[in-house]
Amino acid sequence: DKSVHFGNQVSHSHRRSNRIWNSNIKR
């Protein structure tokens, strides 16, 4: 049941925006 993971992308100035980590899933 592994799927996408959510978190924050943190820039050098420490501003944060949402980002997604996609799992390596094959058909």
PDB file of all heavy atoms in Angstrom:
ATOM      1  N   ASP A   1       0.811  -1.241   0.000  1.00  0.00           N
ATOM      2  CA  ASP A   1       0.000   0.000   0.000  1.00  0.00           C
ATOM      3  C   ASP A   1       0.831   1.273   0.000  1.00  0.00           C
ATOM      4  O   ASP A   1       0.383   2.315   0.477  1.00  0.00           O
ATOM      5  CB  ASP A   1      -0.974   0.022   1.180  1.00  0.00           C
ATOM      6  CG  ASP A   1      -2.076  -1.012   1.041  1.00  0.00           C
ATOM      7  OD1 ASP A   1      -2.389  -1.362  -0.111  1.00  0.00           O
ATOM      8  OD2 ASP A   1      -2.604  -1.465   2.072  1.00  0.00           O
ATOM      9  N   LYS A   2       2.044   1.210  -0.519  1.00  0.00           N
ATOM     10  CA  LYS A   2       2.873   2.408  -0.613  1.00  0.00           C
ATOM     11  C   LYS A   2       2.345   3.300  -1.723  1.00  0.00           C
ATOM     12  O   LYS A   2       1.987   2.832  -2.801  1.00  0.00           O
ATOM     13  CB  LYS A   2       4.322   2.010  -0.911  1.00  0.00           C
ATOM     14  CG  LYS A   2       5.308   3.163  -0.803  1.00  0.00           C
ATOM     15  CD  LYS A   2       6.689   2.739  -1.245  1.00  0.00           C
ATOM     16  CE  LYS A   2       7.337   1.875  -0.195  1.00  0.00           C
ATOM     17  NZ  LYS A   2       8.742   1.592  -0.531  1.00  0.00           N
ATOM     18  N   SER A   3       2.252   4.607  -1.459  1.00  0.00           N
ATOM     19  CA  SER A   3       1.776   5.563  -2.464  1.00  0.00           C
ATOM     20  C   SER A   3       2.525   6.875  -2.268  1.00  0.00           C
ATOM     21  O   SER A   3       3.655   6.869  -1.790  1.00  0.00           O
ATOM     22  CB  SER A   3       0.264   5.746  -2.348  1.00  0.00           C
ATOM     23  OG  SER A   3      -0.077   6.226  -1.072  1.00  0.00           O
ATOM     24  N   VAL A   4       1.916   7.995  -2.613  1.00  0.00           N
ATOM     25  CA  VAL A   4       2.589   9.284  -2.535  1.00  0.00           C
ATOM     26  C   VAL A   4       2.775   9.718  -1.079  1.00  0.00           C
ATOM     27  O   VAL A   4       2.022   9.320  -0.185  1.00  0.00           O
ATOM     28  CB  VAL A   4       1.823  10.378  -3.304  1.00  0.00           C
ATOM     29  CG1 VAL A   4       1.774  10.055  -4.767  1.00  0.00           C
ATOM     30  CG2 VAL A   4       0.448  10.580  -2.751  1.00  0.00           C
ATOM     31  N   HIS A   5       3.802  10.557  -0.849  1.00  0.00           N
ATOM     32  CA  HIS A   5       4.059  11.140   0.463  1.00  0.00           C
ATOM     33  C   HIS A   5       4.050  12.648   0.306  1.00  0.00           C
ATOM     34  O   HIS A   5       4.497  13.181  -0.710  1.00  0.00           O
ATOM     35  CB  HIS A   5       5.423  10.693   0.996  1.00  0.00           C
ATOM     36  CG  HIS A   5       5.538   9.221   1.167  1.00  0.00           C
ATOM     37  ND1 HIS A   5       5.091   8.565   2.282  1.00  0.00           N
ATOM     38  CD2 HIS A   5       6.032   8.265   0.359  1.00  0.00           C
ATOM     39  CE1 HIS A   5       5.314   7.284   2.161  1.00  0.00           C
ATOM     40  NE2 HIS A   5       5.878   7.060   0.983  1.00  0.00           N
ATOM     41  N   PHE A   6       3.534  13.335   1.314  1.00  0.00           N
ATOM     42  CA  PHE A   6       3.421  14.787   1.262  1.00  0.00           C
ATOM     43  C   PHE A   6       4.349  15.416   2.287  1.00  0.00           C
ATOM     44  O   PHE A   6       4.624  14.827   3.332  1.00  0.00           O
ATOM     45  CB  PHE A   6       1.983  15.230   1.559  1.00  0.00           C
ATOM     46  CG  PHE A   6       0.996  14.686   0.585  1.00  0.00           C
ATOM     47  CD1 PHE A   6       0.260  13.558   0.871  1.00  0.00           C
ATOM     48  CD2 PHE A   6       0.805  15.315  -0.631  1.00  0.00           C
ATOM     49  CE1 PHE A   6      -0.651  13.053  -0.021  1.00  0.00           C
ATOM     50  CE2 PHE A   6      -0.107  14.819  -1.539  1.00  0.00           C
ATOM     51  CZ  PHE A   6      -0.839  13.683  -1.235  1.00  0.00           C
ATOM     52  N   GLY A   7       4.818  16.616   1.974  1.00  0.00           N
ATOM     53  CA  GLY A   7       5.684  17.331   2.899  1.00  0.00           C
ATOM     54  C   GLY A   7       5.886  18.753   2.433  1.00  0.00           C
ATOM     55  O   GLY A   7       5.128  19.274   1.620  1.00  0.00           O
ATOM     56  N   ASN A   8       6.925  19.388   2.956  1.00  0.00           N
ATOM     57  CA  ASN A   8       7.242  20.767   2.614  1.00  0.00           C
ATOM     58  C   ASN A   8       8.572  20.845   1.901  1.00  0.00           C
ATOM     59  O   ASN A   8       9.528  20.189   2.287  1.00  0.00           O
ATOM     60  CB  ASN A   8       7.310  21.639   3.872  1.00  0.00           C
ATOM     61  CG  ASN A   8       5.961  21.869   4.481  1.00  0.00           C
ATOM     62  OD1 ASN A   8       4.983  22.046   3.775  1.00  0.00           O
ATOM     63  ND2 ASN A   8       5.893  21.844   5.797  1.00  0.00           N
ATOM     64  N   GLN A   9       8.608  21.696   0.857  1.00  0.00           N
ATOM     65  CA  GLN A   9       9.860  22.037   0.207  1.00  0.00           C
ATOM     66  C   GLN A   9      10.351  23.304   0.882  1.00  0.00           C
ATOM     67  O   GLN A   9       9.635  24.309   0.921  1.00  0.00           O
ATOM     68  CB  GLN A   9       9.635  22.253  -1.283  1.00  0.00           C
ATOM     69  CG  GLN A   9      10.887  22.547  -2.054  1.00  0.00           C
ATOM     70  CD  GLN A   9      10.610  22.580  -3.541  1.00  0.00           C
ATOM     71  OE1 GLN A   9       9.492  22.348  -3.969  1.00  0.00           O
ATOM     72  NE2 GLN A   9      11.620  22.876  -4.316  1.00  0.00           N
ATOM     73  N   VAL A  10      11.542  23.272   1.454  1.00  0.00           N
ATOM     74  CA  VAL A  10      12.069  24.396   2.220  1.00  0.00           C
ATOM     75  C   VAL A  10      13.198  25.029   1.421  1.00  0.00           C
ATOM     76  O   VAL A  10      14.198  24.377   1.110  1.00  0.00           O
ATOM     77  CB  VAL A  10      12.566  23.937   3.605  1.00  0.00           C
ATOM     78  CG1 VAL A  10      13.057  25.121   4.412  1.00  0.00           C
ATOM     79  CG2 VAL A  10      11.469  23.207   4.353  1.00  0.00           C
ATOM     80  N   SER A  11      13.051  26.313   1.096  1.00  0.00           N
ATOM     81  CA  SER A  11      14.071  27.010   0.313  1.00  0.00           C
ATOM     82  C   SER A  11      15.226  27.458   1.215  1.00  0.00           C
ATOM     83  O   SER A  11      15.205  27.271   2.430  1.00  0.00           O
ATOM     84  CB  SER A  11      13.451  28.230  -0.376  1.00  0.00           C
ATOM     85  OG  SER A  11      13.129  29.206   0.597  1.00  0.00           O
ATOM     86  N   HIS A  12      16.227  28.056   0.606  1.00  0.00           N
ATOM     87  CA  HIS A  12      17.385  28.538   1.360  1.00  0.00           C
ATOM     88  C   HIS A  12      16.980  29.618   2.364  1.00  0.00           C
ATOM     89  O   HIS A  12      17.534  29.683   3.463  1.00  0.00           O
ATOM     90  CB  HIS A  12      18.435  29.083   0.390  1.00  0.00           C
ATOM     91  CG  HIS A  12      19.663  29.587   1.056  1.00  0.00           C
ATOM     92  ND1 HIS A  12      20.560  28.766   1.700  1.00  0.00           N
ATOM     93  CD2 HIS A  12      20.138  30.845   1.201  1.00  0.00           C
ATOM     94  CE1 HIS A  12      21.539  29.503   2.206  1.00  0.00           C
ATOM     95  NE2 HIS A  12      21.313  30.772   1.910  1.00  0.00           N
ATOM     96  N   SER A  13      15.999  30.442   1.987  1.00  0.00           N
ATOM     97  CA  SER A  13      15.523  31.481   2.907  1.00  0.00           C
ATOM     98  C   SER A  13      14.453  30.949   3.861  1.00  0.00           C
ATOM     99  O   SER A  13      13.827  31.708   4.576  1.00  0.00           O
ATOM    100  CB  SER A  13      14.959  32.660   2.115  1.00  0.00           C
ATOM    101  OG  SER A  13      13.867  32.235   1.336  1.00  0.00           O
ATOM    102  N   HIS A  14      14.245  29.652   3.870  1.00  0.00           N
ATOM    103  CA  HIS A  14      13.352  28.938   4.769  1.00  0.00           C
ATOM    104  C   HIS A  14      11.876  29.206   4.496  1.00  0.00           C
ATOM    105  O   HIS A  14      11.039  29.029   5.376  1.00  0.00           O
ATOM    106  CB  HIS A  14      13.700  29.227   6.241  1.00  0.00           C
ATOM    107  CG  HIS A  14      13.538  28.032   7.119  1.00  0.00           C
ATOM    108  ND1 HIS A  14      14.354  26.921   7.015  1.00  0.00           N
ATOM    109  CD2 HIS A  14      12.636  27.745   8.086  1.00  0.00           C
ATOM    110  CE1 HIS A  14      13.973  26.027   7.909  1.00  0.00           C
ATOM    111  NE2 HIS A  14      12.927  26.498   8.560  1.00  0.00           N
ATOM    112  N   ARG A  15      11.550  29.634   3.267  1.00  0.00           N
ATOM    113  CA  ARG A  15      10.141  29.724   2.872  1.00  0.00           C
ATOM    114  C   ARG A  15       9.678  28.322   2.502  1.00  0.00           C
ATOM    115  O   ARG A  15      10.427  27.556   1.908  1.00  0.00           O
ATOM    116  CB  ARG A  15       9.968  30.677   1.697  1.00  0.00           C
ATOM    117  CG  ARG A  15      10.230  32.116   2.101  1.00  0.00           C
ATOM    118  CD  ARG A  15      10.105  33.023   0.901  1.00  0.00           C
ATOM    119  NE  ARG A  15       8.728  33.076   0.403  1.00  0.00           N
ATOM    120  CZ  ARG A  15       7.823  33.973   0.788  1.00  0.00           C
ATOM    121  NH1 ARG A  15       8.144  34.885   1.682  1.00  0.00           N
ATOM    122  NH2 ARG A  15       6.616  33.969   0.275  1.00  0.00           N
ATOM    123  N   ARG A  16       8.434  27.996   2.844  1.00  0.00           N
ATOM    124  CA  ARG A  16       7.950  26.636   2.654  1.00  0.00           C
ATOM    125  C   ARG A  16       6.813  26.579   1.655  1.00  0.00           C
ATOM    126  O   ARG A  16       5.952  27.444   1.642  1.00  0.00           O
ATOM    127  CB  ARG A  16       7.468  26.065   3.987  1.00  0.00           C
ATOM    128  CG  ARG A  16       8.595  25.879   4.941  1.00  0.00           C
ATOM    129  CD  ARG A  16       8.147  25.450   6.273  1.00  0.00           C
ATOM    130  NE  ARG A  16       9.311  25.301   7.144  1.00  0.00           N
ATOM    131  CZ  ARG A  16       9.246  25.191   8.438  1.00  0.00           C
ATOM    132  NH1 ARG A  16       8.081  25.229   9.037  1.00  0.00           N
ATOM    133  NH2 ARG A  16      10.332  25.055   9.144  1.00  0.00           N
ATOM    134  N   SER A  17       6.846  25.548   0.834  1.00  0.00           N
ATOM    135  CA  SER A  17       5.747  25.271  -0.089  1.00  0.00           C
ATOM    136  C   SER A  17       5.513  23.764  -0.104  1.00  0.00           C
ATOM    137  O   SER A  17       6.390  22.983   0.226  1.00  0.00           O
ATOM    138  CB  SER A  17       6.052  25.792  -1.493  1.00  0.00           C
ATOM    139  OG  SER A  17       7.216  25.177  -1.985  1.00  0.00           O
ATOM    140  N   ASN A  18       4.305  23.389  -0.489  1.00  0.00           N
ATOM    141  CA  ASN A  18       3.959  21.976  -0.484  1.00  0.00           C
ATOM    142  C   ASN A  18       4.671  21.238  -1.612  1.00  0.00           C
ATOM    143  O   ASN A  18       4.903  21.796  -2.675  1.00  0.00           O
ATOM    144  CB  ASN A  18       2.456  21.798  -0.665  1.00  0.00           C
ATOM    145  CG  ASN A  18       1.681  22.420   0.464  1.00  0.00           C
ATOM    146  OD1 ASN A  18       2.161  22.478   1.583  1.00  0.00           O
ATOM    147  ND2 ASN A  18       0.483  22.889   0.173  1.00  0.00           N
ATOM    148  N   ARG A  19       4.997  19.971  -1.368  1.00  0.00           N
ATOM    149  CA  ARG A  19       5.550  19.139  -2.424  1.00  0.00           C
ATOM    150  C   ARG A  19       5.133  17.701  -2.212  1.00  0.00           C
ATOM    151  O   ARG A  19       4.666  17.321  -1.147  1.00  0.00           O
ATOM    152  CB  ARG A  19       7.051  19.271  -2.541  1.00  0.00           C
ATOM    153  CG  ARG A  19       7.868  18.565  -1.513  1.00  0.00           C
ATOM    154  CD  ARG A  19       9.277  18.334  -1.982  1.00  0.00           C
ATOM    155  NE  ARG A  19       9.343  17.209  -2.923  1.00  0.00           N
ATOM    156  CZ  ARG A  19      10.460  16.673  -3.345  1.00  0.00           C
ATOM    157  NH1 ARG A  19      11.606  17.137  -2.949  1.00  0.00           N
ATOM    158  NH2 ARG A  19      10.442  15.669  -4.180  1.00  0.00           N
ATOM    159  N   ILE A  20       5.300  16.893  -3.261  1.00  0.00           N
ATOM    160  CA  ILE A  20       4.899  15.493  -3.258  1.00  0.00           C
ATOM    161  C   ILE A  20       6.112  14.636  -3.601  1.00  0.00           C
ATOM    162  O   ILE A  20       6.883  14.978  -4.499  1.00  0.00           O
ATOM    163  CB  ILE A  20       3.781  15.244  -4.295  1.00  0.00           C
ATOM    164  CG1 ILE A  20       2.510  15.983  -3.892  1.00  0.00           C
ATOM    165  CG2 ILE A  20       3.495  13.766  -4.469  1.00  0.00           C
ATOM    166  CD1 ILE A  20       1.403  15.877  -4.903  1.00  0.00           C
ATOM    167  N   TRP A  21       6.274  13.535  -2.878  1.00  0.00           N
ATOM    168  CA  TRP A  21       7.263  12.521  -3.225  1.00  0.00           C
ATOM    169  C   TRP A  21       6.508  11.335  -3.783  1.00  0.00           C
ATOM    170  O   TRP A  21       5.713  10.699  -3.074  1.00  0.00           O
ATOM    171  CB  TRP A  21       8.063  12.061  -1.997  1.00  0.00           C
ATOM    172  CG  TRP A  21       9.123  12.998  -1.583  1.00  0.00           C
ATOM    173  CD1 TRP A  21      10.420  13.002  -1.986  1.00  0.00           C
ATOM    174  CD2 TRP A  21       9.004  14.079  -0.659  1.00  0.00           C
ATOM    175  NE1 TRP A  21      11.109  14.012  -1.385  1.00  0.00           N
ATOM    176  CE2 TRP A  21      10.247  14.702  -0.554  1.00  0.00           C
ATOM    177  CE3 TRP A  21       7.939  14.596   0.082  1.00  0.00           C
ATOM    178  CZ2 TRP A  21      10.480  15.781   0.261  1.00  0.00           C
ATOM    179  CZ3 TRP A  21       8.172  15.677   0.895  1.00  0.00           C
ATOM    180  CH2 TRP A  21       9.426  16.260   0.980  1.00  0.00           C
ATOM    181  N   ASN A  22       6.740  11.021  -5.062  1.00  0.00           N
ATOM    182  CA  ASN A  22       6.094   9.868  -5.685  1.00  0.00           C
ATOM    183  C   ASN A  22       6.921   8.618  -5.425  1.00  0.00           C
ATOM    184  O   ASN A  22       8.145   8.640  -5.555  1.00  0.00           O
ATOM    185  CB  ASN A  22       5.951  10.072  -7.195  1.00  0.00           C
ATOM    186  CG  ASN A  22       4.920  11.107  -7.530  1.00  0.00           C
ATOM    187  OD1 ASN A  22       3.879  11.173  -6.886  1.00  0.00           O
ATOM    188  ND2 ASN A  22       5.193  11.931  -8.523  1.00  0.00           N
ATOM    189  N   SER A  23       6.264   7.537  -5.043  1.00  0.00           N
ATOM    190  CA  SER A  23       6.944   6.270  -4.860  1.00  0.00           C
ATOM    191  C   SER A  23       7.270   5.670  -6.223  1.00  0.00           C
ATOM    192  O   SER A  23       6.598   5.947  -7.212  1.00  0.00           O
ATOM    193  CB  SER A  23       6.069   5.303  -4.075  1.00  0.00           C
ATOM    194  OG  SER A  23       5.769   5.837  -2.822  1.00  0.00           O
ATOM    195  N   ASN A  24       8.300   4.820  -6.251  1.00  0.00           N
ATOM    196  CA  ASN A  24       8.726   4.193  -7.503  1.00  0.00           C
ATOM    197  C   ASN A  24       7.844   2.977  -7.750  1.00  0.00           C
ATOM    198  O   ASN A  24       8.149   1.863  -7.343  1.00  0.00           O
ATOM    199  CB  ASN A  24      10.200   3.805  -7.401  1.00  0.00           C
ATOM    200  CG  ASN A  24      10.795   3.518  -8.749  1.00  0.00           C
ATOM    201  OD1 ASN A  24      10.119   3.598  -9.760  1.00  0.00           O
ATOM    202  ND2 ASN A  24      12.063   3.162  -8.759  1.00  0.00           N
ATOM    203  N   ILE A  25       6.716   3.202  -8.424  1.00  0.00           N
ATOM    204  CA  ILE A  25       5.703   2.167  -8.630  1.00  0.00           C
ATOM    205  C   ILE A  25       5.627   1.831 -10.115  1.00  0.00           C
ATOM    206  O   ILE A  25       5.552   2.718 -10.958  1.00  0.00           O
ATOM    207  CB  ILE A  25       4.340   2.630  -8.086  1.00  0.00           C
ATOM    208  CG1 ILE A  25       4.445   2.764  -6.580  1.00  0.00           C
ATOM    209  CG2 ILE A  25       3.240   1.674  -8.474  1.00  0.00           C
ATOM    210  CD1 ILE A  25       3.202   3.230  -5.903  1.00  0.00           C
ATOM    211  N   LYS A  26       5.658   0.531 -10.416  1.00  0.00           N
ATOM    212  CA  LYS A  26       5.658   0.046 -11.785  1.00  0.00           C
ATOM    213  C   LYS A  26       4.393  -0.757 -12.066  1.00  0.00           C
ATOM    214  O   LYS A  26       3.833  -1.378 -11.177  1.00  0.00           O
ATOM    215  CB  LYS A  26       6.873  -0.860 -12.049  1.00  0.00           C
ATOM    216  CG  LYS A  26       8.206  -0.209 -11.771  1.00  0.00           C
ATOM    217  CD  LYS A  26       8.444   0.902 -12.735  1.00  0.00           C
ATOM    218  CE  LYS A  26       9.786   1.556 -12.477  1.00  0.00           C
ATOM    219  NZ  LYS A  26       9.944   2.789 -13.224  1.00  0.00           N
ATOM    220  N   ARG A  27       3.979  -0.757 -13.321  1.00  0.00           N
ATOM    221  CA  ARG A  27       2.846  -1.572 -13.771  1.00  0.00           C
ATOM    222  C   ARG A  27       3.419  -2.901 -14.229  1.00  0.00           C
ATOM    223  O   ARG A  27       4.229  -2.957 -15.154  1.00  0.00           O
ATOM    224  CB  ARG A  27       2.147  -0.851 -14.913  1.00  0.00           C
ATOM    225  CG  ARG A  27       0.823  -1.427 -15.278  1.00  0.00           C
ATOM    226  CD  ARG A  27       0.087  -0.424 -16.167  1.00  0.00           C
ATOM    227  NE  ARG A  27      -1.157  -1.012 -16.629  1.00  0.00           N
ATOM    228  CZ  ARG A  27      -1.410  -1.279 -17.894  1.00  0.00           C
ATOM    229  NH1 ARG A  27      -0.526  -0.993 -18.831  1.00  0.00           N
ATOM    230  NH2 ARG A  27      -2.551  -1.819 -18.233  1.00  0.00           N
TER     231      ARG A  27
END
